[in-house]
Protein backbone atom coordinates (compact mmCIF):
# COMPACT_ATOMS: atom_id res chain seq x y z
CA UNK A 1 0.00 0.00 0.00
CA UNK A 2 1.43 3.39 -0.95
CA UNK A 3 0.75 6.34 1.26
CA UNK A 4 0.71 9.20 -1.23
CA UNK A 5 1.70 12.48 0.31
CA UNK A 6 3.60 15.56 -0.76
CA UNK A 7 5.81 15.27 2.34
CA UNK A 8 6.64 12.82 5.12
CA UNK A 9 8.54 13.34 8.33
CA UNK A 10 11.08 10.82 9.63
CA UNK A 11 11.82 10.99 13.36
CA UNK A 12 14.78 8.86 14.55
CA UNK A 13 14.53 8.86 18.35
CA UNK A 14 17.32 8.78 20.89
CA UNK A 15 17.51 9.19 24.66
CA UNK A 16 17.98 12.97 24.53
CA UNK A 17 17.69 13.84 20.85
CA UNK A 18 15.53 13.36 17.76
CA UNK A 19 16.96 13.39 14.22
CA UNK A 20 14.30 14.99 12.00
CA UNK A 21 14.13 14.66 8.21
CA UNK A 22 11.39 15.74 5.81
CA UNK A 23 11.25 14.12 2.36
CA UNK A 24 8.93 15.21 -0.43
CA UNK A 25 8.12 12.98 -3.39
CA UNK A 26 6.77 14.39 -6.63
CA UNK A 27 6.62 11.97 -9.52
CA UNK A 28 10.00 10.23 -9.68
CA UNK A 29 11.84 13.01 -7.85
CA UNK A 30 12.72 12.54 -4.17
CA UNK A 31 13.98 15.58 -2.32
CA UNK A 32 15.39 15.83 1.20
CA UNK A 33 13.65 19.09 2.04
CA UNK A 34 14.64 19.77 5.67
CA UNK A 35 17.15 18.14 8.06
CA UNK A 36 17.67 19.13 11.70
CA UNK A 37 18.38 17.63 15.13
CA UNK A 38 16.08 18.31 18.06
CA UNK A 39 17.81 18.12 21.45
CA UNK A 40 15.44 17.46 24.34
CA UNK A 41 15.56 20.47 26.70
CA UNK A 42 16.68 19.91 30.26
CA UNK A 43 13.87 18.94 32.58
CA UNK A 44 11.73 17.49 29.77
CA UNK A 45 11.08 13.83 28.98
CA UNK A 46 8.41 11.52 27.57
CA UNK A 47 6.94 11.42 31.07
CA UNK A 48 5.72 14.98 30.38
CA UNK A 49 4.33 14.52 26.84
CA UNK A 50 2.46 17.85 26.61
CA UNK A 51 5.49 20.03 27.37
CA UNK A 52 7.84 17.93 25.24
CA UNK A 53 5.36 17.85 22.35
CA UNK A 54 4.95 21.63 22.39
CA UNK A 55 8.74 22.09 22.40
CA UNK A 56 9.03 19.70 19.43
CA UNK A 57 6.28 21.55 17.56
CA UNK A 58 8.07 24.87 18.11
CA UNK A 59 11.36 23.39 16.90
CA UNK A 60 9.80 21.96 13.72
CA UNK A 61 8.00 25.20 12.96
CA UNK A 62 11.11 27.35 13.52
CA UNK A 63 13.18 25.10 11.24
CA UNK A 64 10.68 25.13 8.36
CA UNK A 65 9.23 21.60 8.63
CA UNK A 66 5.77 21.40 7.05
CA UNK A 67 4.78 17.70 7.06
CA UNK A 68 2.34 16.53 9.72
CA UNK A 69 2.56 12.75 9.20
CA UNK A 70 5.59 11.01 10.60
CA UNK A 71 7.28 7.61 10.65
CA UNK A 72 8.88 7.14 14.06
CA UNK A 73 12.04 5.04 14.51
CA UNK A 74 13.03 3.62 17.90
CA UNK A 75 16.71 3.09 18.86
CA UNK A 76 17.93 -0.48 19.31
CA UNK A 77 18.43 0.00 23.06
CA UNK A 78 14.65 0.46 23.43
CA UNK A 79 13.92 -2.78 21.58
CA UNK A 80 14.03 -6.51 22.17
CA UNK A 81 15.50 -8.25 19.09
CA UNK A 82 16.05 -12.01 19.00
CA UNK A 83 16.48 -14.44 16.15
CA UNK A 84 13.99 -17.30 16.12
CA UNK A 85 13.85 -20.50 14.06
CA UNK A 86 10.53 -21.84 12.81
CA UNK A 87 9.97 -25.11 10.92
CA UNK A 88 8.51 -25.06 7.39
CA UNK A 89 5.07 -23.47 7.69
CA UNK A 90 2.60 -21.31 5.87
CA UNK A 91 1.91 -17.70 6.72
CA UNK A 92 -0.78 -18.27 9.36
CA UNK A 93 1.07 -21.18 11.00
CA UNK A 94 4.36 -19.26 11.14
CA UNK A 95 2.64 -16.25 12.69
CA UNK A 96 1.00 -18.44 15.31
CA UNK A 97 4.36 -19.98 16.31
CA UNK A 98 6.05 -16.58 16.41
CA UNK A 99 3.15 -15.18 18.44
CA UNK A 100 3.62 -17.97 20.99
CA UNK A 101 7.37 -17.28 21.26
CA UNK A 102 6.67 -13.55 21.59
CA UNK A 103 4.28 -14.21 24.48
CA UNK A 104 6.99 -16.19 26.25
CA UNK A 105 9.50 -13.36 25.80
CA UNK A 106 6.96 -10.79 27.03
CA UNK A 107 6.54 -12.65 30.32
CA UNK A 108 10.11 -11.79 31.33
CA UNK A 109 9.63 -8.07 30.63
CA UNK A 110 8.25 -5.58 33.10
CA UNK A 111 5.19 -4.51 31.12
CA UNK A 112 3.23 -5.37 28.00
CA UNK A 113 5.33 -5.74 24.84
CA UNK A 114 4.27 -5.21 21.24
CA UNK A 115 6.06 -7.58 18.84
CA UNK A 116 6.52 -7.72 15.09
CA UNK A 117 8.91 -9.79 12.98
CA UNK A 118 11.21 -9.47 9.98
CA UNK A 119 11.11 -12.14 7.31
CA UNK A 120 8.71 -14.05 5.09
CA UNK A 121 7.42 -17.56 5.92
CA UNK A 122 8.46 -20.42 3.63
CA UNK A 123 6.53 -23.69 3.65
CA UNK A 124 9.26 -25.51 1.70
CA UNK A 125 12.11 -25.20 4.21
CA UNK A 126 13.21 -23.99 7.65
CA UNK A 127 12.48 -20.39 8.50
CA UNK A 128 14.55 -17.90 10.46
CA UNK A 129 12.97 -14.66 11.67
CA UNK A 130 14.11 -11.66 13.66
CA UNK A 131 11.53 -11.13 16.41
CA UNK A 132 11.47 -7.47 17.53
CA UNK A 133 9.48 -5.98 20.41
CA UNK A 134 8.96 -2.66 22.20
CA UNK A 135 7.23 -1.84 25.47
CA UNK A 136 3.69 -0.70 24.80
CA UNK A 137 4.06 1.93 27.52
CA UNK A 138 7.03 3.48 25.69
CA UNK A 139 5.14 3.53 22.38
CA UNK A 140 2.09 5.15 24.02
CA UNK A 141 4.32 7.81 25.62
CA UNK A 142 5.78 8.69 22.23
CA UNK A 143 2.30 8.77 20.71
CA UNK A 144 1.17 11.31 23.31
CA UNK A 145 4.22 13.47 22.55
CA UNK A 146 3.36 13.43 18.84
CA UNK A 147 -0.24 14.31 19.60
CA UNK A 148 0.85 17.31 21.67
CA UNK A 149 3.12 18.34 18.76
CA UNK A 150 0.25 18.17 16.27
CA UNK A 151 1.73 15.18 14.42
CA UNK A 152 0.17 11.85 13.46
CA UNK A 153 2.25 8.68 13.43
CA UNK A 154 1.95 6.65 10.24
CA UNK A 155 4.14 3.86 11.67
CA UNK A 156 6.43 2.91 14.56
CA UNK A 157 9.52 0.92 13.61
CA UNK A 158 13.27 0.48 14.21
CA UNK A 159 15.51 3.25 12.85
CA UNK A 160 18.40 0.91 12.00
CA UNK A 161 16.19 -1.78 10.44
CA UNK A 162 14.42 0.85 8.34
CA UNK A 163 17.75 2.13 7.06
CA UNK A 164 18.88 -1.42 6.26
CA UNK A 165 15.62 -2.07 4.39
CA UNK A 166 15.37 1.19 2.43
CA UNK A 167 19.11 1.43 1.63
CA UNK A 168 19.49 -2.32 1.19
CA UNK A 169 19.73 -2.06 -2.57
CA UNK A 170 23.06 -0.32 -2.13
CA UNK A 171 24.53 -3.31 -0.27
CA UNK A 172 25.46 -6.67 -1.67
CA UNK A 173 23.96 -9.84 -0.18
CA UNK A 174 24.50 -10.18 3.55
CA UNK A 175 26.65 -7.07 4.01
CA UNK A 176 26.17 -5.86 7.64
CA UNK A 177 25.58 -2.25 8.59
CA UNK A 178 26.83 -0.10 11.43
CA UNK A 179 24.81 3.01 12.29
CA UNK A 180 27.02 5.21 14.42
CA UNK A 181 25.76 8.12 16.54
CA UNK A 182 26.66 10.08 19.64
CA UNK A 183 24.19 8.15 21.77
CA UNK A 184 25.31 4.72 20.62
CA UNK A 185 25.93 2.46 17.68
CA UNK A 186 23.54 -0.06 16.16
CA UNK A 187 24.69 -3.14 14.28
CA UNK A 188 22.46 -4.89 11.76
CA UNK A 189 23.58 -8.31 10.55
CA UNK A 190 21.78 -9.79 7.56
CA UNK A 191 21.54 -13.23 6.03
CA UNK A 192 22.36 -14.13 2.44
CA UNK A 193 18.92 -13.00 1.28
CA UNK A 194 19.38 -9.55 2.80
CA UNK A 195 16.88 -10.13 5.65
CA UNK A 196 18.12 -8.77 9.01
CA UNK A 197 19.02 -11.54 11.46
CA UNK A 198 20.53 -9.50 14.29
CA UNK A 199 19.99 -6.03 15.76
CA UNK A 200 22.33 -4.97 18.56
CA UNK A 201 23.04 -1.77 20.47
CA UNK A 202 26.65 -0.93 21.31
CA UNK A 203 27.63 1.94 23.61
CA UNK A 204 29.89 4.64 22.19
CA UNK A 205 32.49 6.31 24.39
CA UNK A 206 33.26 9.96 23.59
CA UNK A 207 35.31 12.54 25.50
CA UNK A 208 32.89 14.69 27.53
CA UNK A 209 30.08 13.26 25.43
CA UNK A 210 30.91 15.57 22.52
CA UNK A 211 34.60 14.96 21.85
CA UNK A 212 36.35 12.36 19.70
CA UNK A 213 34.88 8.86 19.75
CA UNK A 214 36.92 5.91 20.97
CA UNK A 215 36.61 3.19 18.35
CA UNK A 216 38.56 0.53 20.25
CA UNK A 217 35.61 -0.82 22.31
CA UNK A 218 33.37 -0.58 19.27
CA UNK A 219 35.83 -2.47 17.10
CA UNK A 220 36.19 -5.23 19.72
CA UNK A 221 32.41 -5.62 19.90
CA UNK A 222 32.20 -5.83 16.13
CA UNK A 223 34.92 -8.51 16.19
CA UNK A 224 32.93 -10.61 18.68
CA UNK A 225 29.78 -10.25 16.53
CA UNK A 226 31.72 -11.43 13.47
CA UNK A 227 33.08 -14.43 15.40
CA UNK A 228 29.57 -15.28 16.57
CA UNK A 229 28.16 -15.31 13.06
CA UNK A 230 31.01 -17.53 11.87
CA UNK A 231 30.51 -19.86 14.83
CA UNK A 232 26.89 -20.33 13.82
CA UNK A 233 27.99 -21.60 10.44
CA UNK A 234 26.78 -18.54 8.58
CA UNK A 235 29.23 -17.16 6.03
CA UNK A 236 30.29 -13.69 7.14
CA UNK A 237 30.67 -10.77 4.79
CA UNK A 238 34.16 -9.32 4.37
CA UNK A 239 33.00 -5.76 4.57
CA UNK A 240 30.63 -3.53 6.53
CA UNK A 241 28.76 -0.38 5.54
CA UNK A 242 29.26 2.48 7.99
CA UNK A 243 26.65 5.20 8.45
CA UNK A 244 28.79 7.72 10.27
CA UNK A 245 26.87 10.15 12.44
CA UNK A 246 29.81 11.31 14.55
CA UNK A 247 32.39 12.24 11.91
CA UNK A 248 35.15 9.60 12.24
CA UNK A 249 38.53 10.36 10.77
CA UNK A 250 40.05 8.11 8.13
CA UNK A 251 42.46 6.75 10.77
CA UNK A 252 39.55 5.85 13.02
CA UNK A 253 37.79 4.08 10.16
CA UNK A 254 41.00 2.12 9.46
CA UNK A 255 41.32 1.20 13.15
CA UNK A 256 37.70 0.09 13.18
CA UNK A 257 38.39 -2.14 10.16
CA UNK A 258 41.46 -3.65 11.81
CA UNK A 259 39.73 -4.45 15.11
CA UNK A 260 36.56 -5.84 13.53
CA UNK A 261 38.29 -7.84 10.83
CA UNK A 262 35.96 -6.28 8.23
CA UNK A 263 36.57 -3.75 5.54
CA UNK A 264 34.52 -0.77 6.77
CA UNK A 265 33.12 1.21 3.88
CA UNK A 266 31.38 4.56 4.58
CA UNK A 267 27.95 4.84 3.00
CA UNK A 268 26.54 7.71 0.97
CA UNK A 269 23.01 8.25 2.21
CA UNK A 270 21.76 10.48 -0.61
CA UNK A 271 23.04 8.13 -3.33
CA UNK A 272 21.87 5.00 -1.52
CA UNK A 273 18.35 6.32 -0.95
CA UNK A 274 18.08 7.99 -4.37
CA UNK A 275 17.61 11.44 -2.82
CA UNK A 276 18.69 14.91 -3.74
CA UNK A 277 19.09 17.53 -1.02
CA UNK A 278 17.49 20.95 -1.23
CA UNK A 279 20.05 23.79 -1.11
CA UNK A 280 19.03 24.83 2.40
CA UNK A 281 17.99 21.39 3.64
CA UNK A 282 20.47 21.02 6.52
CA UNK A 283 19.99 23.38 9.45
CA UNK A 284 23.04 24.59 11.36
CA UNK A 285 23.84 22.44 14.39
CA UNK A 286 24.26 23.58 17.92
CA UNK A 287 27.77 22.10 18.38
CA UNK A 288 29.68 25.31 17.98
CA UNK A 289 27.67 26.27 14.90
CA UNK A 290 28.98 23.29 12.90
CA UNK A 291 26.69 22.20 10.07
CA UNK A 292 26.39 18.39 10.13
CA UNK A 293 26.73 16.15 7.11
CA UNK A 294 23.64 14.54 5.53
CA UNK A 295 24.85 11.06 6.66
CA UNK A 296 24.05 12.08 10.24
CA UNK A 297 20.39 11.94 9.22
CA UNK A 298 20.57 8.60 7.37
CA UNK A 299 18.07 6.77 9.66
CA UNK A 300 15.66 9.74 9.67
CA UNK A 301 15.81 10.02 5.87
CA UNK A 302 15.14 6.29 5.50
CA UNK A 303 12.13 6.60 7.84
CA UNK A 304 10.67 9.53 5.90
CA UNK A 305 11.21 7.74 2.58
CA UNK A 306 9.55 4.58 3.93
CA UNK A 307 6.53 6.70 4.84
CA UNK A 308 5.84 7.28 1.16
CA UNK A 309 5.90 3.51 0.54
CA UNK A 310 4.63 1.62 3.56
CA UNK A 311 5.72 -1.78 2.23
CA UNK A 312 9.36 -0.71 2.58
CA UNK A 313 9.04 -0.73 6.36
CA UNK A 314 10.71 -3.84 7.85
CA UNK A 315 8.39 -3.85 10.88
CA UNK A 316 5.50 -1.71 12.04
CA UNK A 317 4.48 -1.93 15.68
CA UNK A 318 1.33 0.09 14.92
CA UNK A 319 0.11 -2.59 12.48
CA UNK A 320 1.97 -5.63 13.77
CA UNK A 321 1.64 -8.84 11.79
CA UNK A 322 1.54 -10.67 15.13
CA UNK A 323 -1.66 -8.99 16.24
CA UNK A 324 -4.00 -11.90 17.04
CA UNK A 325 -6.89 -12.17 14.60
CA UNK A 326 -10.31 -11.47 15.99
CA UNK A 327 -11.79 -14.71 17.23
CA UNK A 328 -15.33 -15.68 16.44
CA UNK A 329 -17.30 -16.26 19.60
CA UNK A 330 -19.65 -18.59 17.76
CA UNK A 331 -19.41 -20.63 14.58
CA UNK A 332 -21.01 -19.75 11.27
CA UNK A 333 -23.69 -22.41 11.71
CA UNK A 334 -24.64 -21.08 15.12
CA UNK A 335 -24.62 -17.53 13.79
CA UNK A 336 -27.00 -18.42 10.97
CA UNK A 337 -29.21 -20.33 13.41
CA UNK A 338 -29.38 -17.33 15.73
CA UNK A 339 -30.11 -14.99 12.83
CA UNK A 340 -32.84 -17.34 11.58
CA UNK A 341 -34.37 -17.56 15.04
CA UNK A 342 -34.37 -13.80 15.43
CA UNK A 343 -35.99 -13.32 12.01
CA UNK A 344 -38.62 -15.96 12.80
CA UNK A 345 -39.37 -14.40 16.19
CA UNK A 346 -39.67 -10.96 14.63
CA UNK A 347 -41.98 -12.34 11.94
CA UNK A 348 -44.25 -14.11 14.44
CA UNK A 349 -44.28 -11.08 16.69
CA UNK A 350 -45.21 -8.81 13.80
CA UNK A 351 -47.97 -11.22 12.70
CA UNK A 352 -49.37 -11.39 16.24
CA UNK A 353 -49.52 -7.63 16.63
CA UNK A 354 -51.08 -7.26 13.14
CA UNK A 355 -53.85 -9.76 14.03
CA UNK A 356 -54.43 -8.04 17.38
CA UNK A 357 -54.75 -4.67 15.65
CA UNK A 358 -57.24 -6.01 13.08
CA UNK A 359 -59.28 -7.67 15.84
CA UNK A 360 -59.50 -4.42 17.78
CA UNK A 361 -60.61 -2.59 14.66
CA UNK A 362 -63.28 -5.25 13.99
CA UNK A 363 -64.60 -5.08 17.56
CA UNK A 364 -64.81 -1.29 17.35
CA UNK A 365 -66.73 -1.43 14.06
CA UNK A 366 -69.10 -4.07 15.39
CA UNK A 367 -69.85 -2.05 18.53
CA UNK A 368 -70.40 1.08 16.43
CA UNK A 369 -72.77 -0.84 14.15
CA UNK A 370 -74.85 -2.08 17.05
CA UNK A 371 -75.04 1.41 18.52
CA UNK A 372 -76.34 2.81 15.22
CA UNK A 373 -79.24 0.35 14.69
CA UNK A 374 -81.96 2.89 15.74
CA UNK A 375 -80.32 5.67 13.75
CA UNK A 376 -80.20 3.42 10.70
CA UNK A 377 -83.91 2.59 11.03
CA UNK A 378 -84.86 6.28 11.31
CA UNK A 379 -82.70 7.14 8.32
CA UNK A 380 -84.23 4.31 6.28
CA UNK A 381 -87.75 5.60 7.03
CA UNK A 382 -86.76 9.05 5.85
CA UNK A 383 -85.29 7.57 2.68
CA UNK A 384 -88.53 5.65 2.01
CA UNK A 385 -90.67 8.77 2.43
CA UNK A 386 -88.37 10.74 0.19
CA UNK A 387 -88.46 8.07 -2.50
CA UNK A 388 -92.28 8.04 -2.31
CA UNK A 389 -92.52 11.80 -2.65
CA UNK A 390 -89.96 11.78 -5.46
CA UNK A 391 -92.16 9.31 -7.32
CA UNK A 392 -95.06 11.77 -7.26
CA UNK A 393 -92.99 14.42 -8.96
CA UNK A 394 -90.72 12.33 -11.16
CA UNK A 395 -92.90 9.39 -12.29
CA UNK A 396 -96.53 10.74 -12.38
CA UNK A 397 -98.05 11.10 -15.90
CA UNK A 398 -97.92 14.60 -17.48
CA UNK A 399 -101.70 14.50 -18.04
CA UNK A 400 -102.19 15.28 -14.37
CA UNK A 401 -100.49 18.63 -14.87
CA UNK A 402 -102.75 19.21 -17.93
CA UNK A 403 -105.91 18.49 -15.94
CA UNK A 404 -104.70 20.75 -13.14
CA UNK A 405 -104.01 23.55 -15.64
CA UNK A 406 -107.44 23.13 -17.30
CA UNK A 407 -109.17 23.19 -13.92
CA UNK A 408 -107.71 26.63 -13.24
CA UNK A 409 -109.55 27.99 -16.32
CA UNK A 410 -113.00 27.28 -14.88
CA UNK A 411 -114.68 30.07 -12.92
CA UNK A 412 -116.97 29.68 -9.92
CA UNK A 413 -119.58 32.06 -11.34
CA UNK A 414 -120.02 30.05 -14.55
CA UNK A 415 -122.19 26.99 -15.05
CA UNK A 416 -119.90 24.73 -17.13
CA UNK A 417 -118.33 21.33 -16.46
CA UNK A 418 -116.35 18.53 -18.15
CA UNK A 419 -117.97 15.19 -18.76
CA UNK A 420 -115.10 13.37 -20.59
CA UNK A 421 -111.33 13.70 -20.94
CA UNK A 422 -109.37 11.62 -23.43
CA UNK A 423 -105.50 11.94 -23.31
CA UNK A 424 -103.39 10.27 -25.98
CA UNK A 425 -99.65 9.51 -26.20
CA UNK A 426 -99.22 12.18 -28.86
CA UNK A 427 -99.89 14.83 -26.19
CA UNK A 428 -103.35 15.59 -27.52
CA UNK A 429 -106.33 15.88 -25.22
CA UNK A 430 -110.02 15.79 -26.22
CA UNK A 431 -112.43 17.49 -23.83
CA UNK A 432 -116.19 17.08 -23.82
CA UNK A 433 -118.53 18.91 -21.49
CA UNK A 434 -121.76 20.81 -20.90
CA UNK A 435 -122.62 24.40 -20.17
CA UNK A 436 -125.68 26.53 -19.53
CA UNK A 437 -125.13 28.52 -22.69
CA UNK A 438 -123.06 28.90 -25.78
CA UNK A 439 -121.65 32.16 -24.40
CA UNK A 440 -120.18 30.36 -21.40
CA UNK A 441 -118.49 27.79 -23.66
CA UNK A 442 -117.03 30.58 -25.83
CA UNK A 443 -115.60 32.28 -22.75
CA UNK A 444 -113.87 29.03 -21.69
CA UNK A 445 -112.50 28.50 -25.21
CA UNK A 446 -111.01 31.97 -25.17
CA UNK A 447 -109.21 31.33 -21.88
CA UNK A 448 -107.83 28.02 -23.19
CA UNK A 449 -106.38 29.64 -26.30
CA UNK A 450 -104.79 32.40 -24.25
CA UNK A 451 -103.02 29.93 -22.01
CA UNK A 452 -99.43 29.48 -23.35
CA UNK A 453 -99.32 25.89 -22.15
CA UNK A 454 -101.85 24.79 -24.75
CA UNK A 455 -101.33 24.84 -28.48
CA UNK A 456 -103.26 23.75 -31.53
CA UNK A 457 -106.61 24.37 -29.82
CA UNK A 458 -109.57 23.29 -32.00
CA UNK A 459 -113.18 23.88 -31.05
CA UNK A 460 -115.66 21.14 -31.98
CA UNK A 461 -118.66 23.43 -31.65
CA UNK A 462 -121.76 23.36 -29.40
CA UNK A 463 -124.99 21.49 -29.63
CA UNK A 464 -128.31 22.29 -28.05
CA UNK A 465 -129.30 19.67 -25.51
CA UNK A 466 -133.00 18.65 -26.12
CA UNK A 467 -133.16 15.99 -23.46
CA UNK A 468 -136.33 15.68 -21.45
CA UNK A 469 -140.11 15.90 -22.30
CA UNK A 470 -142.85 18.26 -21.47
CA UNK A 471 -142.10 20.62 -18.73
CA UNK A 472 -138.94 18.64 -17.92
CA UNK A 473 -137.14 19.68 -21.13
CA UNK A 474 -133.80 21.42 -20.45
CA UNK A 475 -133.52 23.23 -23.70
CA UNK A 476 -131.02 25.83 -22.34
CA UNK A 477 -128.09 23.33 -21.86
CA UNK A 478 -125.50 22.88 -24.58
CA UNK A 479 -122.81 20.24 -25.08
CA UNK A 480 -119.37 21.07 -26.48
CA UNK A 481 -116.05 19.47 -27.41
CA UNK A 482 -112.55 20.73 -28.12
CA UNK A 483 -109.11 19.27 -28.78
CA UNK A 484 -105.73 20.71 -27.80
CA UNK A 485 -102.09 19.81 -27.50
CA UNK A 486 -100.16 20.49 -24.30
CA UNK A 487 -96.58 21.41 -23.77
CA UNK A 488 -94.80 18.96 -21.44
CA UNK A 489 -92.15 20.48 -19.14
CA UNK A 490 -88.87 18.68 -19.83
């Protein structure tokens, strides 16, 4: 996984100092942008993370550092590093065996230890790994310092192992490395495949802590390490790469070669890491105003460069490969059974509540229906009366309106009456009647013609009524007839 960023900060920690390097990567160009050494002020330590973090933040700001993500490298004296053999095994099996060995090592330490390992498992042959651990308390203290400084840690690793990994392409095969600084030296021995097999801290003796370094004890320790590797049957390299952070003279380098039995070859950090330094990258030191060489910052530069490509880190305590995988509390079958039971219970519960709700609604409707029986009867009676009355107006024959209209044309002071009414489907009505005189009939005929509701009025004439004999004859009565058409209201 590549962590793409315009700048990464490498912090190589020591007891009382921090080597700081900022590297920016743009395309294929890698630039060492800023290099400086932060010396921990007197009275400050990781036990007071807020004060130390604020002092670090001020130092980085004053020296022009801009990156906020950092890869932190621990010194070898803070670490537990032991070589461990594992039989042929796959990745998971090898991790399990290394995890078990790490737990045994952690028991002897005063506090919880975070372990990671260097190497890749091989199922076809014996495996040899470098098991590396750091106290969790120390890592948490450093994390609080970074938080107070406004920095975020992308990884926690070993400064020397990171340098051996990132600059490993510059070395041949199992060439060992010696990282030399004022606060100690770190030796990294590697096997034929280039994988580190030993990480060791060696004290460095200097006059007054800042004067010339005595290489005699260091050379003797290197000689013992070389003898140990030969005694284990591992072919030893004939040379060693020196990352000089104290400024040894050529005579001191020669003495170191003589005492160790190895040809000590100084490394070139910028060439080995493929970096170019910005013109003002290195800040002036505080040792009499002397400006240090870029090799002093070799571990910090390797850390910053590894931040841009996380896979180049040899170990990462923040994402340790020995972190136990999360264990399932129950098997897959049990999980599916529980899920099925929960779904079934939810379904039955939902069905029960749905039925209960419908039953309550039904009971409410039934009670309401029973309470409205009398109201329904009263309403039905009103509907029946209305329908009956509507039938009188909507379904009665139009001739009734005609008869009513004709009846309004008769006057109370006239002696005239109707004896026969014949209504046909063609809206024609024939009237026959009697009157006391022809004049009375003519008056009725006039009123009929004047009524706009009657049309096509035809008078059939009058006829003298000669009924009766003798003195009983009613010769004054007349009979009449007329036909008319009536206009029906639509």
